[in-house]
Amino acid sequence: MRVLLVAIPLLLLASNVTAAPSVPNAVYTTTSGVTLADFSYAGPCNGQGTATLVVHAPGGDQTLTASVTSTSPTGGACGAGLRCLDCPPVPTAFAWELKGNGVLLVGGGPAVYEQYSDQPVAFQLQGTFLGGALEAHGTIKLA
């Protein structure tokens, strides 16, 4: 019985540690105020995708979803991503735009050379998102 009394609080402590929430990666501003949010994108570098924003409002989370067209011409100054001759495999920058009905986010981030192409590894986007202003950042690997 004594072992059980010691084990229960330890199990509760362990479950609280593993259930810790992730850190929000966006700030969303509307006429109601400024709130933290989680931004994500699902889709290709260039083409149709879905942008999702989970706004952590005081009254509870609100999920906003938008269909967007993604444009991301990755590649450095040495042949649109091809590294050869005097072009060493060094980090380069990429531009990124998400555009849709009520959405216009622009930005970009660093890319690294991997298997004969530049692969985005981080992003920062700013602009309008479904009635508010959004600033989001994070890590990503676009298809």
N, C-alpha and C. Protein backbone atom coordinates (compact mmCIF):
# COMPACT_ATOMS: atom_id res chain seq x y z
N MET A 1 0.83 -1.20 0.00
CA MET A 1 0.00 0.00 0.00
C MET A 1 0.86 1.25 0.00
N ARG A 2 1.93 1.20 0.76
CA ARG A 2 2.82 2.35 0.86
C ARG A 2 3.49 2.65 -0.49
N VAL A 3 3.86 1.61 -1.23
CA VAL A 3 4.46 1.78 -2.55
C VAL A 3 3.46 2.43 -3.49
N LEU A 4 2.22 2.05 -3.39
CA LEU A 4 1.17 2.62 -4.24
C LEU A 4 0.98 4.10 -3.96
N LEU A 5 1.02 4.51 -2.70
CA LEU A 5 0.86 5.92 -2.34
C LEU A 5 2.02 6.77 -2.88
N VAL A 6 3.21 6.21 -2.97
CA VAL A 6 4.35 6.93 -3.52
C VAL A 6 4.28 6.93 -5.05
N ALA A 7 3.83 5.83 -5.65
CA ALA A 7 3.82 5.70 -7.10
C ALA A 7 2.78 6.59 -7.77
N ILE A 8 1.63 6.78 -7.17
CA ILE A 8 0.56 7.56 -7.79
C ILE A 8 0.99 9.01 -8.05
N PRO A 9 1.56 9.73 -7.07
CA PRO A 9 2.00 11.10 -7.38
C PRO A 9 3.08 11.14 -8.46
N LEU A 10 3.98 10.15 -8.48
CA LEU A 10 5.00 10.11 -9.51
C LEU A 10 4.40 9.91 -10.90
N LEU A 11 3.38 9.07 -11.01
CA LEU A 11 2.70 8.88 -12.29
C LEU A 11 1.98 10.14 -12.73
N LEU A 12 1.35 10.83 -11.81
CA LEU A 12 0.68 12.08 -12.14
C LEU A 12 1.68 13.13 -12.61
N LEU A 13 2.82 13.19 -11.95
CA LEU A 13 3.85 14.14 -12.34
C LEU A 13 4.37 13.82 -13.74
N ALA A 14 4.60 12.56 -14.01
CA ALA A 14 5.09 12.16 -15.33
C ALA A 14 4.07 12.48 -16.42
N SER A 15 2.80 12.27 -16.15
CA SER A 15 1.79 12.55 -17.17
C SER A 15 1.67 14.05 -17.43
N ASN A 16 1.89 14.88 -16.44
CA ASN A 16 1.85 16.32 -16.65
C ASN A 16 3.02 16.79 -17.50
N VAL A 17 4.17 16.18 -17.35
CA VAL A 17 5.34 16.57 -18.12
C VAL A 17 5.13 16.24 -19.60
N THR A 18 4.63 15.06 -19.90
CA THR A 18 4.45 14.67 -21.29
C THR A 18 3.28 15.39 -21.95
N ALA A 19 2.37 15.93 -21.20
CA ALA A 19 1.20 16.60 -21.75
C ALA A 19 1.41 18.11 -21.90
N ALA A 20 2.63 18.57 -21.76
CA ALA A 20 2.89 20.01 -21.85
C ALA A 20 2.55 20.52 -23.25
N PRO A 21 1.87 21.66 -23.35
CA PRO A 21 1.50 22.20 -24.67
C PRO A 21 2.71 22.73 -25.41
N SER A 22 2.62 22.76 -26.74
CA SER A 22 3.70 23.32 -27.54
C SER A 22 3.63 24.85 -27.48
N VAL A 23 4.73 25.47 -27.78
CA VAL A 23 4.81 26.93 -27.77
C VAL A 23 4.17 27.47 -29.05
N PRO A 24 3.23 28.41 -28.96
CA PRO A 24 2.61 28.99 -30.16
C PRO A 24 3.66 29.63 -31.06
N ASN A 25 3.44 29.54 -32.37
CA ASN A 25 4.42 30.08 -33.31
C ASN A 25 3.90 31.28 -34.09
N ALA A 26 2.81 31.91 -33.60
CA ALA A 26 2.23 33.04 -34.33
C ALA A 26 1.58 34.03 -33.37
N VAL A 27 1.44 35.25 -33.88
CA VAL A 27 0.70 36.31 -33.18
C VAL A 27 -0.37 36.80 -34.14
N TYR A 28 -1.61 36.81 -33.68
CA TYR A 28 -2.76 37.19 -34.51
C TYR A 28 -3.41 38.42 -33.89
N THR A 29 -3.58 39.47 -34.70
CA THR A 29 -4.14 40.72 -34.22
C THR A 29 -5.43 41.03 -34.96
N THR A 30 -6.49 41.29 -34.19
CA THR A 30 -7.77 41.72 -34.76
C THR A 30 -8.25 42.94 -33.97
N THR A 31 -9.43 43.43 -34.29
CA THR A 31 -9.98 44.55 -33.54
C THR A 31 -10.27 44.16 -32.09
N SER A 32 -10.37 42.87 -31.82
CA SER A 32 -10.60 42.37 -30.46
C SER A 32 -9.34 42.35 -29.61
N GLY A 33 -8.18 42.42 -30.26
CA GLY A 33 -6.93 42.41 -29.51
C GLY A 33 -5.88 41.51 -30.14
N VAL A 34 -4.83 41.26 -29.38
CA VAL A 34 -3.70 40.45 -29.84
C VAL A 34 -3.72 39.12 -29.09
N THR A 35 -3.61 38.01 -29.85
CA THR A 35 -3.61 36.69 -29.23
C THR A 35 -2.51 35.83 -29.84
N LEU A 36 -2.05 34.86 -29.06
CA LEU A 36 -1.09 33.88 -29.56
C LEU A 36 -1.85 32.85 -30.38
N ALA A 37 -1.15 32.23 -31.34
CA ALA A 37 -1.80 31.26 -32.21
C ALA A 37 -0.79 30.24 -32.70
N ASP A 38 -1.31 29.15 -33.27
CA ASP A 38 -0.49 28.13 -33.91
C ASP A 38 -0.81 28.14 -35.40
N PHE A 39 0.22 28.37 -36.23
CA PHE A 39 0.06 28.42 -37.67
C PHE A 39 0.67 27.17 -38.30
N SER A 40 -0.01 26.62 -39.30
CA SER A 40 0.55 25.51 -40.05
C SER A 40 0.09 25.59 -41.51
N TYR A 41 0.88 24.98 -42.38
CA TYR A 41 0.57 24.93 -43.80
C TYR A 41 0.74 23.50 -44.27
N ALA A 42 -0.21 23.05 -45.08
CA ALA A 42 -0.13 21.72 -45.70
C ALA A 42 -0.29 21.89 -47.20
N GLY A 43 0.73 21.48 -47.95
CA GLY A 43 0.68 21.59 -49.39
C GLY A 43 2.06 21.71 -49.99
N PRO A 44 2.13 21.86 -51.30
CA PRO A 44 3.42 21.95 -51.99
C PRO A 44 4.00 23.36 -51.95
N CYS A 45 5.27 23.47 -52.34
CA CYS A 45 5.92 24.78 -52.45
C CYS A 45 5.15 25.69 -53.40
N ASN A 46 4.79 25.12 -54.55
CA ASN A 46 4.09 25.87 -55.58
C ASN A 46 2.81 25.13 -55.94
N GLY A 47 1.68 25.72 -55.57
CA GLY A 47 0.40 25.10 -55.86
C GLY A 47 -0.61 25.34 -54.75
N GLN A 48 -1.69 24.59 -54.81
CA GLN A 48 -2.78 24.74 -53.85
C GLN A 48 -2.46 24.03 -52.54
N GLY A 49 -2.78 24.69 -51.44
CA GLY A 49 -2.57 24.13 -50.11
C GLY A 49 -3.58 24.68 -49.13
N THR A 50 -3.40 24.32 -47.88
CA THR A 50 -4.30 24.77 -46.81
C THR A 50 -3.48 25.39 -45.68
N ALA A 51 -3.85 26.60 -45.31
CA ALA A 51 -3.24 27.27 -44.16
C ALA A 51 -4.23 27.21 -43.00
N THR A 52 -3.72 26.81 -41.84
CA THR A 52 -4.57 26.67 -40.66
C THR A 52 -4.00 27.50 -39.52
N LEU A 53 -4.87 28.21 -38.83
CA LEU A 53 -4.47 29.01 -37.69
C LEU A 53 -5.38 28.66 -36.52
N VAL A 54 -4.78 28.22 -35.42
CA VAL A 54 -5.53 27.95 -34.20
C VAL A 54 -5.25 29.12 -33.26
N VAL A 55 -6.25 29.97 -33.08
CA VAL A 55 -6.13 31.17 -32.27
C VAL A 55 -6.49 30.82 -30.83
N HIS A 56 -5.58 31.12 -29.91
CA HIS A 56 -5.80 30.83 -28.49
C HIS A 56 -6.45 32.03 -27.81
N ALA A 57 -7.74 32.21 -28.07
CA ALA A 57 -8.49 33.35 -27.54
C ALA A 57 -8.88 33.09 -26.07
N PRO A 58 -9.12 34.15 -25.31
CA PRO A 58 -9.50 33.98 -23.90
C PRO A 58 -10.76 33.11 -23.71
N GLY A 59 -11.69 33.15 -24.65
CA GLY A 59 -12.91 32.36 -24.54
C GLY A 59 -12.76 30.93 -25.01
N GLY A 60 -11.60 30.58 -25.53
CA GLY A 60 -11.36 29.24 -26.05
C GLY A 60 -10.72 29.29 -27.42
N ASP A 61 -10.13 28.20 -27.82
CA ASP A 61 -9.45 28.14 -29.11
C ASP A 61 -10.44 28.26 -30.27
N GLN A 62 -9.99 28.95 -31.32
CA GLN A 62 -10.78 29.10 -32.54
C GLN A 62 -9.88 28.71 -33.71
N THR A 63 -10.37 27.81 -34.58
CA THR A 63 -9.60 27.36 -35.73
C THR A 63 -10.07 28.06 -36.99
N LEU A 64 -9.13 28.69 -37.69
CA LEU A 64 -9.40 29.36 -38.96
C LEU A 64 -8.64 28.62 -40.05
N THR A 65 -9.33 28.26 -41.13
CA THR A 65 -8.71 27.51 -42.22
C THR A 65 -8.97 28.22 -43.54
N ALA A 66 -7.93 28.27 -44.39
CA ALA A 66 -8.08 28.94 -45.68
C ALA A 66 -7.37 28.14 -46.77
N SER A 67 -8.01 28.06 -47.93
CA SER A 67 -7.36 27.51 -49.12
C SER A 67 -6.48 28.60 -49.69
N VAL A 68 -5.23 28.26 -50.00
CA VAL A 68 -4.28 29.25 -50.48
C VAL A 68 -3.49 28.70 -51.66
N THR A 69 -2.94 29.62 -52.43
CA THR A 69 -1.97 29.28 -53.46
C THR A 69 -0.61 29.64 -52.92
N SER A 70 0.27 28.66 -52.87
CA SER A 70 1.63 28.86 -52.37
C SER A 70 2.57 29.08 -53.54
N THR A 71 3.43 30.08 -53.40
CA THR A 71 4.46 30.36 -54.39
C THR A 71 5.77 30.48 -53.64
N SER A 72 6.72 29.60 -53.98
CA SER A 72 8.01 29.61 -53.31
C SER A 72 9.11 29.22 -54.26
N PRO A 73 9.63 30.20 -54.98
CA PRO A 73 10.73 29.89 -55.90
C PRO A 73 12.04 29.72 -55.14
N THR A 74 12.28 28.52 -54.62
CA THR A 74 13.52 28.29 -53.88
C THR A 74 14.68 28.27 -54.84
N GLY A 75 15.84 28.51 -54.31
CA GLY A 75 17.05 28.48 -55.13
C GLY A 75 17.88 29.71 -54.93
N GLY A 76 19.16 29.56 -55.03
CA GLY A 76 20.07 30.68 -54.85
C GLY A 76 20.47 31.29 -56.17
N ALA A 77 21.56 32.00 -56.17
CA ALA A 77 22.01 32.71 -57.36
C ALA A 77 22.74 31.80 -58.34
N CYS A 78 22.96 30.57 -57.98
CA CYS A 78 23.74 29.66 -58.83
C CYS A 78 22.83 28.64 -59.48
N GLY A 79 21.99 29.05 -60.40
CA GLY A 79 21.21 28.12 -61.19
C GLY A 79 19.96 27.58 -60.52
N ALA A 80 19.22 28.40 -59.82
CA ALA A 80 17.93 28.02 -59.21
C ALA A 80 18.04 26.75 -58.38
N GLY A 81 19.03 26.67 -57.53
CA GLY A 81 19.15 25.54 -56.63
C GLY A 81 20.23 24.57 -56.99
N LEU A 82 20.71 24.58 -58.23
CA LEU A 82 21.77 23.65 -58.63
C LEU A 82 23.11 24.20 -58.15
N ARG A 83 23.83 23.40 -57.40
CA ARG A 83 25.14 23.81 -56.88
C ARG A 83 26.23 23.09 -57.67
N CYS A 84 27.09 23.85 -58.31
CA CYS A 84 28.18 23.25 -59.06
C CYS A 84 29.28 24.28 -59.24
N LEU A 85 30.43 23.83 -59.67
CA LEU A 85 31.57 24.69 -59.94
C LEU A 85 31.87 25.62 -58.77
N ASP A 86 31.62 26.91 -58.92
CA ASP A 86 31.95 27.88 -57.87
C ASP A 86 30.81 28.09 -56.88
N CYS A 87 29.79 27.24 -56.91
CA CYS A 87 28.65 27.41 -56.02
C CYS A 87 28.70 26.36 -54.92
N PRO A 88 29.26 26.69 -53.79
CA PRO A 88 29.36 25.70 -52.71
C PRO A 88 28.00 25.46 -52.05
N PRO A 89 27.86 24.33 -51.39
CA PRO A 89 26.59 24.06 -50.67
C PRO A 89 26.52 24.89 -49.39
N VAL A 90 26.03 26.11 -49.50
CA VAL A 90 25.91 27.01 -48.36
C VAL A 90 24.44 27.41 -48.20
N PRO A 91 24.05 27.85 -47.01
CA PRO A 91 22.66 28.28 -46.83
C PRO A 91 22.29 29.43 -47.76
N THR A 92 21.11 29.38 -48.31
CA THR A 92 20.61 30.44 -49.17
C THR A 92 19.23 30.85 -48.66
N ALA A 93 18.70 31.92 -49.22
CA ALA A 93 17.38 32.41 -48.81
C ALA A 93 16.32 31.97 -49.81
N PHE A 94 15.08 31.86 -49.34
CA PHE A 94 13.97 31.61 -50.25
C PHE A 94 12.83 32.55 -49.91
N ALA A 95 12.05 32.90 -50.92
CA ALA A 95 10.87 33.75 -50.73
C ALA A 95 9.65 32.85 -50.69
N TRP A 96 8.60 33.29 -49.99
CA TRP A 96 7.39 32.48 -49.88
C TRP A 96 6.18 33.40 -49.81
N GLU A 97 5.15 33.07 -50.57
CA GLU A 97 3.90 33.82 -50.56
C GLU A 97 2.73 32.84 -50.48
N LEU A 98 1.80 33.12 -49.60
CA LEU A 98 0.54 32.39 -49.52
C LEU A 98 -0.57 33.37 -49.82
N LYS A 99 -1.38 33.06 -50.84
CA LYS A 99 -2.41 34.00 -51.27
C LYS A 99 -3.72 33.25 -51.47
N GLY A 100 -4.79 33.80 -50.93
CA GLY A 100 -6.12 33.21 -51.07
C GLY A 100 -7.18 34.23 -50.71
N ASN A 101 -8.43 33.80 -50.66
CA ASN A 101 -9.53 34.68 -50.31
C ASN A 101 -9.39 35.13 -48.86
N GLY A 102 -9.04 36.41 -48.63
CA GLY A 102 -8.84 36.93 -47.29
C GLY A 102 -7.47 36.63 -46.71
N VAL A 103 -6.55 36.13 -47.53
CA VAL A 103 -5.22 35.77 -47.06
C VAL A 103 -4.16 36.33 -48.00
N LEU A 104 -3.20 37.04 -47.46
CA LEU A 104 -2.01 37.44 -48.20
C LEU A 104 -0.85 37.48 -47.20
N LEU A 105 -0.06 36.42 -47.22
CA LEU A 105 1.09 36.31 -46.33
C LEU A 105 2.35 36.25 -47.19
N VAL A 106 3.35 37.04 -46.83
CA VAL A 106 4.61 37.05 -47.57
C VAL A 106 5.76 36.94 -46.58
N GLY A 107 6.85 36.40 -47.06
CA GLY A 107 8.04 36.26 -46.23
C GLY A 107 9.00 35.30 -46.87
N GLY A 108 9.60 34.47 -46.05
CA GLY A 108 10.57 33.50 -46.53
C GLY A 108 11.41 33.01 -45.39
N GLY A 109 12.63 32.62 -45.73
CA GLY A 109 13.53 32.12 -44.71
C GLY A 109 14.77 31.51 -45.31
N PRO A 110 15.57 30.84 -44.48
CA PRO A 110 16.79 30.21 -44.99
C PRO A 110 16.50 28.83 -45.58
N ALA A 111 17.32 28.45 -46.53
CA ALA A 111 17.26 27.12 -47.13
C ALA A 111 18.66 26.52 -47.08
N VAL A 112 18.75 25.21 -47.07
CA VAL A 112 20.04 24.53 -47.10
C VAL A 112 20.11 23.62 -48.31
N TYR A 113 21.31 23.39 -48.77
CA TYR A 113 21.53 22.53 -49.93
C TYR A 113 21.42 21.06 -49.49
N GLU A 114 20.57 20.32 -50.18
CA GLU A 114 20.39 18.91 -49.84
C GLU A 114 20.00 18.15 -51.09
N GLN A 115 20.79 17.20 -51.50
CA GLN A 115 20.51 16.34 -52.64
C GLN A 115 20.18 17.14 -53.91
N TYR A 116 21.08 18.00 -54.32
CA TYR A 116 20.97 18.76 -55.57
C TYR A 116 19.82 19.77 -55.59
N SER A 117 19.35 20.19 -54.45
CA SER A 117 18.34 21.24 -54.42
C SER A 117 18.38 21.96 -53.09
N ASP A 118 17.85 23.17 -53.07
CA ASP A 118 17.76 23.94 -51.83
C ASP A 118 16.47 23.56 -51.12
N GLN A 119 16.56 23.18 -49.87
CA GLN A 119 15.39 22.78 -49.08
C GLN A 119 15.13 23.82 -47.99
N PRO A 120 13.93 24.43 -47.96
CA PRO A 120 13.61 25.37 -46.89
C PRO A 120 13.64 24.68 -45.53
N VAL A 121 14.17 25.35 -44.53
CA VAL A 121 14.21 24.77 -43.19
C VAL A 121 13.51 25.63 -42.14
N ALA A 122 13.29 26.89 -42.44
CA ALA A 122 12.60 27.77 -41.49
C ALA A 122 11.87 28.85 -42.28
N PHE A 123 10.85 29.46 -41.65
CA PHE A 123 10.11 30.50 -42.36
C PHE A 123 9.65 31.58 -41.39
N GLN A 124 9.36 32.74 -41.96
CA GLN A 124 8.66 33.81 -41.26
C GLN A 124 7.73 34.46 -42.28
N LEU A 125 6.46 34.55 -41.92
CA LEU A 125 5.45 35.14 -42.80
C LEU A 125 4.73 36.26 -42.06
N GLN A 126 4.33 37.30 -42.81
CA GLN A 126 3.56 38.40 -42.25
C GLN A 126 2.51 38.82 -43.26
N GLY A 127 1.37 39.31 -42.74
CA GLY A 127 0.35 39.84 -43.62
C GLY A 127 -1.04 39.67 -43.04
N THR A 128 -2.03 39.59 -43.94
CA THR A 128 -3.42 39.48 -43.52
C THR A 128 -3.87 38.02 -43.57
N PHE A 129 -4.71 37.66 -42.61
CA PHE A 129 -5.25 36.30 -42.55
C PHE A 129 -6.67 36.36 -42.01
N LEU A 130 -7.63 36.21 -42.89
CA LEU A 130 -9.05 36.11 -42.53
C LEU A 130 -9.49 37.14 -41.49
N GLY A 131 -9.33 38.41 -41.83
CA GLY A 131 -9.83 39.49 -40.98
C GLY A 131 -8.88 40.01 -39.93
N GLY A 132 -7.66 39.52 -39.90
CA GLY A 132 -6.69 39.98 -38.91
C GLY A 132 -5.31 40.07 -39.52
N ALA A 133 -4.38 40.55 -38.70
CA ALA A 133 -2.97 40.62 -39.11
C ALA A 133 -2.24 39.47 -38.44
N LEU A 134 -1.40 38.80 -39.21
CA LEU A 134 -0.71 37.61 -38.71
C LEU A 134 0.78 37.73 -38.90
N GLU A 135 1.53 37.32 -37.89
CA GLU A 135 2.96 37.12 -38.00
C GLU A 135 3.25 35.74 -37.48
N ALA A 136 3.83 34.88 -38.34
CA ALA A 136 4.08 33.49 -37.98
C ALA A 136 5.51 33.11 -38.35
N HIS A 137 6.06 32.16 -37.60
CA HIS A 137 7.40 31.66 -37.90
C HIS A 137 7.46 30.19 -37.47
N GLY A 138 8.46 29.52 -37.95
CA GLY A 138 8.62 28.12 -37.56
C GLY A 138 9.56 27.39 -38.49
N THR A 139 9.59 26.07 -38.35
CA THR A 139 10.38 25.24 -39.23
C THR A 139 9.46 24.49 -40.16
N ILE A 140 9.97 24.19 -41.36
CA ILE A 140 9.13 23.56 -42.36
C ILE A 140 10.00 22.88 -43.40
N LYS A 141 9.46 21.87 -44.03
CA LYS A 141 10.10 21.28 -45.20
C LYS A 141 9.02 21.15 -46.25
N LEU A 142 9.04 22.03 -47.23
CA LEU A 142 8.03 22.04 -48.26
C LEU A 142 8.29 20.93 -49.28
N ALA A 143 7.21 20.39 -49.81
CA ALA A 143 7.33 19.31 -50.81
C ALA A 143 7.63 19.89 -52.18
